[in-house]
Amino acid sequence: PVRLPDAPAPPEPDPDVTPPDPKEEVTLNAAEECFGGD
């Protein structure tokens, strides 16, 4: 057996990009909107 090389690590987050505020309202997807209507 010969072990294949590991997959590359995911890229580091861009320090110049401000992550979204988790306390901001998020947009519901179509299914969530439907159940919200119920």
ModelCIF file with pLDDT and N, C-alpha, C, O atoms, coordinates in Angstrom:
data_MODEL
#
_entry.id   MODEL 
#
_entity.id                         1 
_entity.type                       polymer 
_entity.pdbx_number_of_molecules   1 
#
_entity_poly.entity_id                      1 
_entity_poly.type                           'polypeptide(L)' 
_entity_poly.nstd_linkage                   no 
_entity_poly.nstd_monomer                   no 
_entity_poly.pdbx_seq_one_letter_code       PVRLPDAPAPPEPDPDVTPPDPKEEVTLNAAEECFGGD 
_entity_poly.pdbx_seq_one_letter_code_can   PVRLPDAPAPPEPDPDVTPPDPKEEVTLNAAEECFGGD 
_entity_poly.pdbx_strand_id                 A 
#
loop_
_entity_poly_seq.entity_id 
_entity_poly_seq.num 
_entity_poly_seq.mon_id 
_entity_poly_seq.hetero 
1 1  PRO n 
1 2  VAL n 
1 3  ARG n 
1 4  LEU n 
1 5  PRO n 
1 6  ASP n 
1 7  ALA n 
1 8  PRO n 
1 9  ALA n 
1 10 PRO n 
1 11 PRO n 
1 12 GLU n 
1 13 PRO n 
1 14 ASP n 
1 15 PRO n 
1 16 ASP n 
1 17 VAL n 
1 18 THR n 
1 19 PRO n 
1 20 PRO n 
1 21 ASP n 
1 22 PRO n 
1 23 LYS n 
1 24 GLU n 
1 25 GLU n 
1 26 VAL n 
1 27 THR n 
1 28 LEU n 
1 29 ASN n 
1 30 ALA n 
1 31 ALA n 
1 32 GLU n 
1 33 GLU n 
1 34 CYS n 
1 35 PHE n 
1 36 GLY n 
1 37 GLY n 
1 38 ASP n 
#
_struct_asym.id          A 
_struct_asym.entity_id   1 
#
loop_
_ma_qa_metric.id 
_ma_qa_metric.mode 
_ma_qa_metric.name 
_ma_qa_metric.software_group_id 
_ma_qa_metric.type 
1 global pLDDT . pLDDT 
2 local  pLDDT . pLDDT 
#
_ma_qa_metric_global.metric_id      1 
_ma_qa_metric_global.metric_value   83.34 
_ma_qa_metric_global.model_id       1 
_ma_qa_metric_global.ordinal_id     1 
#
loop_
_ma_qa_metric_local.label_asym_id 
_ma_qa_metric_local.label_comp_id 
_ma_qa_metric_local.label_seq_id 
_ma_qa_metric_local.metric_id 
_ma_qa_metric_local.metric_value 
_ma_qa_metric_local.model_id 
_ma_qa_metric_local.ordinal_id 
A PRO 1  2 64.00 1 1  
A VAL 2  2 63.00 1 2  
A ARG 3  2 66.00 1 3  
A LEU 4  2 66.00 1 4  
A PRO 5  2 69.00 1 5  
A ASP 6  2 74.00 1 6  
A ALA 7  2 74.00 1 7  
A PRO 8  2 79.00 1 8  
A ALA 9  2 80.00 1 9  
A PRO 10 2 75.00 1 10 
A PRO 11 2 78.00 1 11 
A GLU 12 2 81.00 1 12 
A PRO 13 2 75.00 1 13 
A ASP 14 2 78.00 1 14 
A PRO 15 2 81.00 1 15 
A ASP 16 2 79.00 1 16 
A VAL 17 2 80.00 1 17 
A THR 18 2 79.00 1 18 
A PRO 19 2 79.00 1 19 
A PRO 20 2 81.00 1 20 
A ASP 21 2 88.00 1 21 
A PRO 22 2 89.00 1 22 
A LYS 23 2 93.00 1 23 
A GLU 24 2 95.00 1 24 
A GLU 25 2 96.00 1 25 
A VAL 26 2 95.00 1 26 
A THR 27 2 94.00 1 27 
A LEU 28 2 94.00 1 28 
A ASN 29 2 92.00 1 29 
A ALA 30 2 91.00 1 30 
A ALA 31 2 90.00 1 31 
A GLU 32 2 92.00 1 32 
A GLU 33 2 93.00 1 33 
A CYS 34 2 92.00 1 34 
A PHE 35 2 91.00 1 35 
A GLY 36 2 94.00 1 36 
A GLY 37 2 94.00 1 37 
A ASP 38 2 93.00 1 38 
#
loop_
_atom_site.group_PDB 
_atom_site.id 
_atom_site.type_symbol 
_atom_site.label_atom_id 
_atom_site.label_alt_id 
_atom_site.label_comp_id 
_atom_site.label_asym_id 
_atom_site.label_entity_id 
_atom_site.label_seq_id 
_atom_site.pdbx_PDB_ins_code 
_atom_site.Cartn_x 
_atom_site.Cartn_y 
_atom_site.Cartn_z 
_atom_site.occupancy 
_atom_site.B_iso_or_equiv 
_atom_site.pdbx_formal_charge 
_atom_site.auth_seq_id 
_atom_site.auth_comp_id 
_atom_site.auth_asym_id 
_atom_site.auth_atom_id 
_atom_site.pdbx_PDB_model_num 
ATOM 1   N N  . PRO A 1 1  ? 0.822   -1.213 0.000  1.00 64.00 ? 1  PRO A N  1 
ATOM 2   C CA . PRO A 1 1  ? 0.000   0.000  0.000  1.00 64.00 ? 1  PRO A CA 1 
ATOM 3   C C  . PRO A 1 1  ? 0.854   1.260  0.000  1.00 64.00 ? 1  PRO A C  1 
ATOM 4   O O  . PRO A 1 1  ? 1.905   1.319  0.638  1.00 64.00 ? 1  PRO A O  1 
ATOM 5   N N  . VAL A 1 2  ? 0.384   2.256  -0.723 1.00 63.00 ? 2  VAL A N  1 
ATOM 6   C CA . VAL A 1 2  ? 1.041   3.560  -0.742 1.00 63.00 ? 2  VAL A CA 1 
ATOM 7   C C  . VAL A 1 2  ? 0.008   4.592  -0.335 1.00 63.00 ? 2  VAL A C  1 
ATOM 8   O O  . VAL A 1 2  ? -1.013  4.732  -1.009 1.00 63.00 ? 2  VAL A O  1 
ATOM 9   N N  . ARG A 1 3  ? 0.240   5.314  0.743  1.00 66.00 ? 3  ARG A N  1 
ATOM 10  C CA . ARG A 1 3  ? -0.725  6.292  1.238  1.00 66.00 ? 3  ARG A CA 1 
ATOM 11  C C  . ARG A 1 3  ? -0.713  7.536  0.373  1.00 66.00 ? 3  ARG A C  1 
ATOM 12  O O  . ARG A 1 3  ? 0.346   8.087  0.070  1.00 66.00 ? 3  ARG A O  1 
ATOM 13  N N  . LEU A 1 4  ? -1.906  7.977  -0.025 1.00 66.00 ? 4  LEU A N  1 
ATOM 14  C CA . LEU A 1 4  ? -2.019  9.176  -0.825 1.00 66.00 ? 4  LEU A CA 1 
ATOM 15  C C  . LEU A 1 4  ? -1.766  10.407 0.041  1.00 66.00 ? 4  LEU A C  1 
ATOM 16  O O  . LEU A 1 4  ? -2.008  10.365 1.247  1.00 66.00 ? 4  LEU A O  1 
ATOM 17  N N  . PRO A 1 5  ? -1.290  11.486 -0.539 1.00 69.00 ? 5  PRO A N  1 
ATOM 18  C CA . PRO A 1 5  ? -1.057  12.713 0.249  1.00 69.00 ? 5  PRO A CA 1 
ATOM 19  C C  . PRO A 1 5  ? -2.375  13.278 0.772  1.00 69.00 ? 5  PRO A C  1 
ATOM 20  O O  . PRO A 1 5  ? -3.422  13.146 0.139  1.00 69.00 ? 5  PRO A O  1 
ATOM 21  N N  . ASP A 1 6  ? -2.297  13.910 1.943  1.00 74.00 ? 6  ASP A N  1 
ATOM 22  C CA . ASP A 1 6  ? -3.482  14.513 2.542  1.00 74.00 ? 6  ASP A CA 1 
ATOM 23  C C  . ASP A 1 6  ? -3.967  15.685 1.698  1.00 74.00 ? 6  ASP A C  1 
ATOM 24  O O  . ASP A 1 6  ? -3.189  16.333 0.997  1.00 74.00 ? 6  ASP A O  1 
ATOM 25  N N  . ALA A 1 7  ? -5.264  15.940 1.782  1.00 74.00 ? 7  ALA A N  1 
ATOM 26  C CA . ALA A 1 7  ? -5.846  17.073 1.065  1.00 74.00 ? 7  ALA A CA 1 
ATOM 27  C C  . ALA A 1 7  ? -5.289  18.374 1.632  1.00 74.00 ? 7  ALA A C  1 
ATOM 28  O O  . ALA A 1 7  ? -4.979  18.443 2.822  1.00 74.00 ? 7  ALA A O  1 
ATOM 29  N N  . PRO A 1 8  ? -5.159  19.393 0.809  1.00 79.00 ? 8  PRO A N  1 
ATOM 30  C CA . PRO A 1 8  ? -4.636  20.674 1.316  1.00 79.00 ? 8  PRO A CA 1 
ATOM 31  C C  . PRO A 1 8  ? -5.559  21.280 2.361  1.00 79.00 ? 8  PRO A C  1 
ATOM 32  O O  . PRO A 1 8  ? -6.775  21.099 2.309  1.00 79.00 ? 8  PRO A O  1 
ATOM 33  N N  . ALA A 1 9  ? -4.980  21.988 3.297  1.00 80.00 ? 9  ALA A N  1 
ATOM 34  C CA . ALA A 1 9  ? -5.766  22.635 4.354  1.00 80.00 ? 9  ALA A CA 1 
ATOM 35  C C  . ALA A 1 9  ? -6.605  23.758 3.752  1.00 80.00 ? 9  ALA A C  1 
ATOM 36  O O  . ALA A 1 9  ? -6.198  24.376 2.768  1.00 80.00 ? 9  ALA A O  1 
ATOM 37  N N  . PRO A 1 10 ? -7.774  24.025 4.335  1.00 75.00 ? 10 PRO A N  1 
ATOM 38  C CA . PRO A 1 10 ? -8.606  25.119 3.827  1.00 75.00 ? 10 PRO A CA 1 
ATOM 39  C C  . PRO A 1 10 ? -7.890  26.456 3.983  1.00 75.00 ? 10 PRO A C  1 
ATOM 40  O O  . PRO A 1 10 ? -7.070  26.618 4.886  1.00 75.00 ? 10 PRO A O  1 
ATOM 41  N N  . PRO A 1 11 ? -8.193  27.405 3.117  1.00 78.00 ? 11 PRO A N  1 
ATOM 42  C CA . PRO A 1 11 ? -7.514  28.705 3.196  1.00 78.00 ? 11 PRO A CA 1 
ATOM 43  C C  . PRO A 1 11 ? -7.847  29.436 4.488  1.00 78.00 ? 11 PRO A C  1 
ATOM 44  O O  . PRO A 1 11 ? -8.939  29.292 5.039  1.00 78.00 ? 11 PRO A O  1 
ATOM 45  N N  . GLU A 1 12 ? -6.896  30.216 4.955  1.00 81.00 ? 12 GLU A N  1 
ATOM 46  C CA . GLU A 1 12 ? -7.102  31.017 6.152  1.00 81.00 ? 12 GLU A CA 1 
ATOM 47  C C  . GLU A 1 12 ? -8.094  32.143 5.852  1.00 81.00 ? 12 GLU A C  1 
ATOM 48  O O  . GLU A 1 12 ? -8.124  32.653 4.732  1.00 81.00 ? 12 GLU A O  1 
ATOM 49  N N  . PRO A 1 13 ? -8.909  32.540 6.844  1.00 75.00 ? 13 PRO A N  1 
ATOM 50  C CA . PRO A 1 13 ? -9.847  33.647 6.605  1.00 75.00 ? 13 PRO A CA 1 
ATOM 51  C C  . PRO A 1 13 ? -9.103  34.937 6.299  1.00 75.00 ? 13 PRO A C  1 
ATOM 52  O O  . PRO A 1 13 ? -8.026  35.196 6.835  1.00 75.00 ? 13 PRO A O  1 
ATOM 53  N N  . ASP A 1 14 ? -9.694  35.732 5.435  1.00 78.00 ? 14 ASP A N  1 
ATOM 54  C CA . ASP A 1 14 ? -9.087  36.996 5.032  1.00 78.00 ? 14 ASP A CA 1 
ATOM 55  C C  . ASP A 1 14 ? -9.194  38.001 6.181  1.00 78.00 ? 14 ASP A C  1 
ATOM 56  O O  . ASP A 1 14 ? -10.305 38.350 6.578  1.00 78.00 ? 14 ASP A O  1 
ATOM 57  N N  . PRO A 1 15 ? -8.080  38.470 6.720  1.00 81.00 ? 15 PRO A N  1 
ATOM 58  C CA . PRO A 1 15 ? -8.148  39.416 7.857  1.00 81.00 ? 15 PRO A CA 1 
ATOM 59  C C  . PRO A 1 15 ? -8.761  40.753 7.477  1.00 81.00 ? 15 PRO A C  1 
ATOM 60  O O  . PRO A 1 15 ? -9.191  41.505 8.352  1.00 81.00 ? 15 PRO A O  1 
ATOM 61  N N  . ASP A 1 16 ? -8.810  41.066 6.168  1.00 79.00 ? 16 ASP A N  1 
ATOM 62  C CA . ASP A 1 16 ? -9.372  42.346 5.733  1.00 79.00 ? 16 ASP A CA 1 
ATOM 63  C C  . ASP A 1 16 ? -10.893 42.285 5.564  1.00 79.00 ? 16 ASP A C  1 
ATOM 64  O O  . ASP A 1 16 ? -11.539 43.305 5.325  1.00 79.00 ? 16 ASP A O  1 
ATOM 65  N N  . VAL A 1 17 ? -11.448 41.100 5.688  1.00 80.00 ? 17 VAL A N  1 
ATOM 66  C CA . VAL A 1 17 ? -12.901 40.937 5.540  1.00 80.00 ? 17 VAL A CA 1 
ATOM 67  C C  . VAL A 1 17 ? -13.538 40.827 6.922  1.00 80.00 ? 17 VAL A C  1 
ATOM 68  O O  . VAL A 1 17 ? -13.199 39.934 7.699  1.00 80.00 ? 17 VAL A O  1 
ATOM 69  N N  . THR A 1 18 ? -14.452 41.728 7.222  1.00 79.00 ? 18 THR A N  1 
ATOM 70  C CA . THR A 1 18 ? -15.135 41.718 8.516  1.00 79.00 ? 18 THR A CA 1 
ATOM 71  C C  . THR A 1 18 ? -16.220 40.646 8.521  1.00 79.00 ? 18 THR A C  1 
ATOM 72  O O  . THR A 1 18 ? -17.130 40.687 7.693  1.00 79.00 ? 18 THR A O  1 
ATOM 73  N N  . PRO A 1 19 ? -16.136 39.683 9.446  1.00 79.00 ? 19 PRO A N  1 
ATOM 74  C CA . PRO A 1 19 ? -17.167 38.642 9.484  1.00 79.00 ? 19 PRO A CA 1 
ATOM 75  C C  . PRO A 1 19 ? -18.515 39.236 9.861  1.00 79.00 ? 19 PRO A C  1 
ATOM 76  O O  . PRO A 1 19 ? -18.566 40.243 10.567 1.00 79.00 ? 19 PRO A O  1 
ATOM 77  N N  . PRO A 1 20 ? -19.608 38.632 9.406  1.00 81.00 ? 20 PRO A N  1 
ATOM 78  C CA . PRO A 1 20 ? -20.933 39.174 9.743  1.00 81.00 ? 20 PRO A CA 1 
ATOM 79  C C  . PRO A 1 20 ? -21.215 39.090 11.234 1.00 81.00 ? 20 PRO A C  1 
ATOM 80  O O  . PRO A 1 20 ? -20.758 38.172 11.915 1.00 81.00 ? 20 PRO A O  1 
ATOM 81  N N  . ASP A 1 21 ? -21.967 40.052 11.726 1.00 88.00 ? 21 ASP A N  1 
ATOM 82  C CA . ASP A 1 21 ? -22.364 40.070 13.133 1.00 88.00 ? 21 ASP A CA 1 
ATOM 83  C C  . ASP A 1 21 ? -23.397 38.968 13.357 1.00 88.00 ? 21 ASP A C  1 
ATOM 84  O O  . ASP A 1 21 ? -24.459 39.004 12.736 1.00 88.00 ? 21 ASP A O  1 
ATOM 85  N N  . PRO A 1 22 ? -23.119 37.978 14.231 1.00 89.00 ? 22 PRO A N  1 
ATOM 86  C CA . PRO A 1 22 ? -24.085 36.896 14.436 1.00 89.00 ? 22 PRO A CA 1 
ATOM 87  C C  . PRO A 1 22 ? -25.408 37.364 15.022 1.00 89.00 ? 22 PRO A C  1 
ATOM 88  O O  . PRO A 1 22 ? -26.394 36.627 14.999 1.00 89.00 ? 22 PRO A O  1 
ATOM 89  N N  . LYS A 1 23 ? -25.435 38.589 15.549 1.00 93.00 ? 23 LYS A N  1 
ATOM 90  C CA . LYS A 1 23 ? -26.682 39.104 16.122 1.00 93.00 ? 23 LYS A CA 1 
ATOM 91  C C  . LYS A 1 23 ? -27.548 39.830 15.096 1.00 93.00 ? 23 LYS A C  1 
ATOM 92  O O  . LYS A 1 23 ? -28.640 40.300 15.416 1.00 93.00 ? 23 LYS A O  1 
ATOM 93  N N  . GLU A 1 24 ? -27.056 39.919 13.865 1.00 95.00 ? 24 GLU A N  1 
ATOM 94  C CA . GLU A 1 24 ? -27.873 40.518 12.818 1.00 95.00 ? 24 GLU A CA 1 
ATOM 95  C C  . GLU A 1 24 ? -28.940 39.519 12.374 1.00 95.00 ? 24 GLU A C  1 
ATOM 96  O O  . GLU A 1 24 ? -28.708 38.310 12.372 1.00 95.00 ? 24 GLU A O  1 
ATOM 97  N N  . GLU A 1 25 ? -30.105 40.032 12.001 1.00 96.00 ? 25 GLU A N  1 
ATOM 98  C CA . GLU A 1 25 ? -31.147 39.167 11.456 1.00 96.00 ? 25 GLU A CA 1 
ATOM 99  C C  . GLU A 1 25 ? -30.636 38.486 10.193 1.00 96.00 ? 25 GLU A C  1 
ATOM 100 O O  . GLU A 1 25 ? -29.983 39.120 9.364  1.00 96.00 ? 25 GLU A O  1 
ATOM 101 N N  . VAL A 1 26 ? -30.933 37.197 10.045 1.00 95.00 ? 26 VAL A N  1 
ATOM 102 C CA . VAL A 1 26 ? -30.514 36.458 8.853  1.00 95.00 ? 26 VAL A CA 1 
ATOM 103 C C  . VAL A 1 26 ? -31.735 36.198 7.970  1.00 95.00 ? 26 VAL A C  1 
ATOM 104 O O  . VAL A 1 26 ? -32.875 36.214 8.434  1.00 95.00 ? 26 VAL A O  1 
ATOM 105 N N  . THR A 1 27 ? -31.465 35.961 6.699  1.00 94.00 ? 27 THR A N  1 
ATOM 106 C CA . THR A 1 27 ? -32.540 35.714 5.743  1.00 94.00 ? 27 THR A CA 1 
ATOM 107 C C  . THR A 1 27 ? -32.979 34.252 5.819  1.00 94.00 ? 27 THR A C  1 
ATOM 108 O O  . THR A 1 27 ? -32.153 33.342 5.745  1.00 94.00 ? 27 THR A O  1 
ATOM 109 N N  . LEU A 1 28 ? -34.263 34.042 5.965  1.00 94.00 ? 28 LEU A N  1 
ATOM 110 C CA . LEU A 1 28 ? -34.798 32.683 6.000  1.00 94.00 ? 28 LEU A CA 1 
ATOM 111 C C  . LEU A 1 28 ? -34.797 32.091 4.601  1.00 94.00 ? 28 LEU A C  1 
ATOM 112 O O  . LEU A 1 28 ? -34.996 32.805 3.618  1.00 94.00 ? 28 LEU A O  1 
ATOM 113 N N  . ASN A 1 29 ? -34.571 30.784 4.512  1.00 92.00 ? 29 ASN A N  1 
ATOM 114 C CA . ASN A 1 29 ? -34.718 30.138 3.212  1.00 92.00 ? 29 ASN A CA 1 
ATOM 115 C C  . ASN A 1 29 ? -36.203 29.877 2.946  1.00 92.00 ? 29 ASN A C  1 
ATOM 116 O O  . ASN A 1 29 ? -37.046 30.141 3.803  1.00 92.00 ? 29 ASN A O  1 
ATOM 117 N N  . ALA A 1 30 ? -36.516 29.360 1.763  1.00 91.00 ? 30 ALA A N  1 
ATOM 118 C CA . ALA A 1 30 ? -37.916 29.199 1.371  1.00 91.00 ? 30 ALA A CA 1 
ATOM 119 C C  . ALA A 1 30 ? -38.667 28.272 2.314  1.00 91.00 ? 30 ALA A C  1 
ATOM 120 O O  . ALA A 1 30 ? -39.820 28.534 2.655  1.00 91.00 ? 30 ALA A O  1 
ATOM 121 N N  . ALA A 1 31 ? -38.021 27.189 2.739  1.00 90.00 ? 31 ALA A N  1 
ATOM 122 C CA . ALA A 1 31 ? -38.689 26.250 3.640  1.00 90.00 ? 31 ALA A CA 1 
ATOM 123 C C  . ALA A 1 31 ? -38.957 26.893 4.996  1.00 90.00 ? 31 ALA A C  1 
ATOM 124 O O  . ALA A 1 31 ? -40.040 26.726 5.557  1.00 90.00 ? 31 ALA A O  1 
ATOM 125 N N  . GLU A 1 32 ? -37.973 27.634 5.532  1.00 92.00 ? 32 GLU A N  1 
ATOM 126 C CA . GLU A 1 32 ? -38.163 28.299 6.821  1.00 92.00 ? 32 GLU A CA 1 
ATOM 127 C C  . GLU A 1 32 ? -39.255 29.353 6.737  1.00 92.00 ? 32 GLU A C  1 
ATOM 128 O O  . GLU A 1 32 ? -40.046 29.502 7.669  1.00 92.00 ? 32 GLU A O  1 
ATOM 129 N N  . GLU A 1 33 ? -39.308 30.088 5.627  1.00 93.00 ? 33 GLU A N  1 
ATOM 130 C CA . GLU A 1 33 ? -40.376 31.082 5.448  1.00 93.00 ? 33 GLU A CA 1 
ATOM 131 C C  . GLU A 1 33 ? -41.747 30.404 5.446  1.00 93.00 ? 33 GLU A C  1 
ATOM 132 O O  . GLU A 1 33 ? -42.705 30.907 6.033  1.00 93.00 ? 33 GLU A O  1 
ATOM 133 N N  . CYS A 1 34 ? -41.819 29.262 4.780  1.00 92.00 ? 34 CYS A N  1 
ATOM 134 C CA . CYS A 1 34 ? -43.095 28.549 4.711  1.00 92.00 ? 34 CYS A CA 1 
ATOM 135 C C  . CYS A 1 34 ? -43.545 28.103 6.100  1.00 92.00 ? 34 CYS A C  1 
ATOM 136 O O  . CYS A 1 34 ? -44.696 28.320 6.480  1.00 92.00 ? 34 CYS A O  1 
ATOM 137 N N  . PHE A 1 35 ? -42.637 27.479 6.861  1.00 91.00 ? 35 PHE A N  1 
ATOM 138 C CA . PHE A 1 35 ? -42.990 27.032 8.203  1.00 91.00 ? 35 PHE A CA 1 
ATOM 139 C C  . PHE A 1 35 ? -43.250 28.215 9.126  1.00 91.00 ? 35 PHE A C  1 
ATOM 140 O O  . PHE A 1 35 ? -44.095 28.141 10.018 1.00 91.00 ? 35 PHE A O  1 
ATOM 141 N N  . GLY A 1 36 ? -42.517 29.313 8.909  1.00 94.00 ? 36 GLY A N  1 
ATOM 142 C CA . GLY A 1 36 ? -42.789 30.510 9.693  1.00 94.00 ? 36 GLY A CA 1 
ATOM 143 C C  . GLY A 1 36 ? -44.203 31.005 9.464  1.00 94.00 ? 36 GLY A C  1 
ATOM 144 O O  . GLY A 1 36 ? -44.869 31.450 10.398 1.00 94.00 ? 36 GLY A O  1 
ATOM 145 N N  . GLY A 1 37 ? -44.668 30.928 8.212  1.00 94.00 ? 37 GLY A N  1 
ATOM 146 C CA . GLY A 1 37 ? -46.051 31.308 7.915  1.00 94.00 ? 37 GLY A CA 1 
ATOM 147 C C  . GLY A 1 37 ? -47.049 30.439 8.643  1.00 94.00 ? 37 GLY A C  1 
ATOM 148 O O  . GLY A 1 37 ? -48.094 30.924 9.078  1.00 94.00 ? 37 GLY A O  1 
ATOM 149 N N  . ASP A 1 38 ? -46.740 29.146 8.786  1.00 93.00 ? 38 ASP A N  1 
ATOM 150 C CA . ASP A 1 38 ? -47.624 28.242 9.534  1.00 93.00 ? 38 ASP A CA 1 
ATOM 151 C C  . ASP A 1 38 ? -47.757 28.705 10.985 1.00 93.00 ? 38 ASP A C  1 
ATOM 152 O O  . ASP A 1 38 ? -48.460 28.072 11.772 1.00 93.00 ? 38 ASP A O  1 
#
